[in-house]
Protein backbone atom coordinates (compact mmCIF):
# COMPACT_ATOMS: atom_id res chain seq x y z
CA LEU A 1 0.00 0.00 0.00
CA GLY A 2 2.97 2.25 0.48
CA THR A 3 6.08 3.12 2.44
CA LEU A 4 5.91 4.61 5.92
CA ARG A 5 9.16 6.43 6.67
CA ALA A 6 11.55 6.18 9.61
CA GLY A 7 10.82 8.89 12.18
CA TRP A 8 7.08 9.03 11.48
CA ARG A 9 4.79 8.56 14.48
CA ILE A 10 1.65 6.62 13.55
CA LEU A 11 -1.44 8.38 14.93
CA GLY A 12 -4.13 6.33 13.21
CA ILE A 13 -5.17 4.39 10.16
CA ARG A 14 -8.62 4.48 8.56
CA SER A 15 -9.83 2.18 5.80
CA THR A 16 -12.96 2.67 3.71
CA ALA A 17 -14.45 0.63 0.88
CA PRO A 18 -17.86 0.27 -0.80
CA ALA A 19 -20.24 -2.61 -0.15
CA THR A 20 -19.18 -4.18 -3.45
CA PHE A 21 -15.52 -4.40 -2.47
CA GLY A 22 -15.31 -7.83 -0.83
CA ALA A 23 -16.89 -11.22 -1.45
CA ALA A 24 -18.93 -13.02 1.24
CA SER A 25 -16.81 -13.94 4.28
CA ALA A 26 -13.75 -12.02 3.02
CA THR A 27 -11.62 -10.20 5.59
CA MET A 28 -8.78 -7.74 5.42
CA SER A 29 -5.93 -6.82 7.75
CA LEU A 30 -3.27 -4.08 7.61
CA GLY A 31 0.31 -4.58 8.67
CA VAL A 32 3.78 -5.47 7.48
CA VAL A 33 5.38 -8.59 6.04
CA GLY A 34 5.55 -11.13 8.87
CA THR A 35 2.94 -9.32 11.00
CA THR A 36 0.02 -8.85 8.63
CA ALA A 37 -2.40 -7.62 11.34
CA LYS A 38 0.02 -5.24 13.08
CA TYR A 39 -2.06 -2.09 12.49
CA MET A 40 -5.57 -3.48 11.92
CA GLY A 41 -6.78 -6.97 12.73
CA LEU A 42 -9.06 -9.06 10.54
CA THR A 43 -11.95 -6.86 9.47
CA ASP A 44 -15.02 -8.00 7.52
CA ILE A 45 -15.03 -6.54 4.01
CA ALA A 46 -18.14 -8.35 2.75
CA ALA A 47 -20.15 -5.18 3.45
CA ALA A 48 -19.35 -1.48 3.26
CA LEU A 49 -16.21 -0.88 5.28
CA SER A 50 -15.27 2.03 7.48
CA ALA A 51 -12.72 0.78 9.99
CA ASP A 52 -10.08 2.34 12.20
CA GLY A 53 -6.79 0.74 13.09
CA ALA A 54 -3.69 1.68 15.09
CA HIS A 55 -5.70 3.54 17.77
CA THR A 56 -4.61 1.33 20.68
CA ASP A 57 -1.24 0.49 22.23
CA ALA A 58 -1.80 -3.11 21.12
CA LEU A 59 -1.94 -1.84 17.52
CA PHE A 60 1.18 0.32 17.96
CA HIS A 61 -0.61 3.67 18.35
CA GLY A 62 2.01 6.39 18.71
CA GLU A 63 4.86 4.16 17.56
CA VAL A 64 7.79 6.08 16.09
CA LEU A 65 9.16 4.03 13.22
CA ALA A 66 12.85 3.18 13.58
CA THR A 67 13.13 2.17 9.92
CA ASP A 68 11.10 2.55 6.74
CA ILE A 69 8.34 -0.08 6.48
CA GLU A 70 6.03 -1.20 3.68
CA LEU A 71 2.37 -1.12 4.74
CA ILE A 72 0.50 -4.09 3.26
CA GLY A 73 -3.13 -5.14 3.11
CA THR A 74 -4.00 -8.83 3.28
CA ILE A 75 -7.36 -10.10 2.00
CA ALA A 76 -8.29 -13.58 3.22
CA GLY A 77 -11.19 -15.90 3.97
CA ALA A 78 -13.79 -17.64 1.86
CA GLY A 79 -14.19 -15.80 -1.41
CA ALA A 80 -10.97 -13.82 -0.99
CA GLY A 81 -9.90 -12.42 -4.32
CA ALA A 82 -13.29 -13.21 -5.87
CA GLY A 83 -15.85 -10.54 -6.54
CA VAL A 84 -13.60 -7.69 -5.43
CA ALA A 85 -14.87 -4.48 -7.01
CA GLY A 86 -14.46 -0.85 -6.11
CA THR A 87 -11.73 1.16 -4.44
CA LEU A 88 -10.22 0.58 -1.02
CA LYS A 89 -8.91 3.74 0.62
CA VAL A 90 -6.32 3.54 3.39
CA ILE A 91 -5.57 6.83 5.14
CA VAL A 92 -2.58 6.95 7.50
CA ARG A 93 -2.42 9.83 9.98
CA TYR A 94 1.09 10.53 11.21
CA SER A 95 3.45 13.16 12.55
CA ARG A 96 7.15 13.48 11.88
CA ASP A 97 9.32 13.51 14.98
């Protein structure tokens, strides 16, 4: 989804998608390679999505990145990759320390 730069402090992540985006029982998570749900755990995308991630200490709220990371989205579950239509928006709020 994009590179988050060293020195950025993650303040929040918001994802939005239309009802047509995911197939029945499909889920999505946001994270990094090796920890795919680091910033947002499995979230149902079979219906219209408006989800927040990274707003708790468990999801690394306020973390200052020591190195550049690649933010990835992982779609899984029954029907994953089938029937996906529309645009997923991922908005990362951050400050630079």
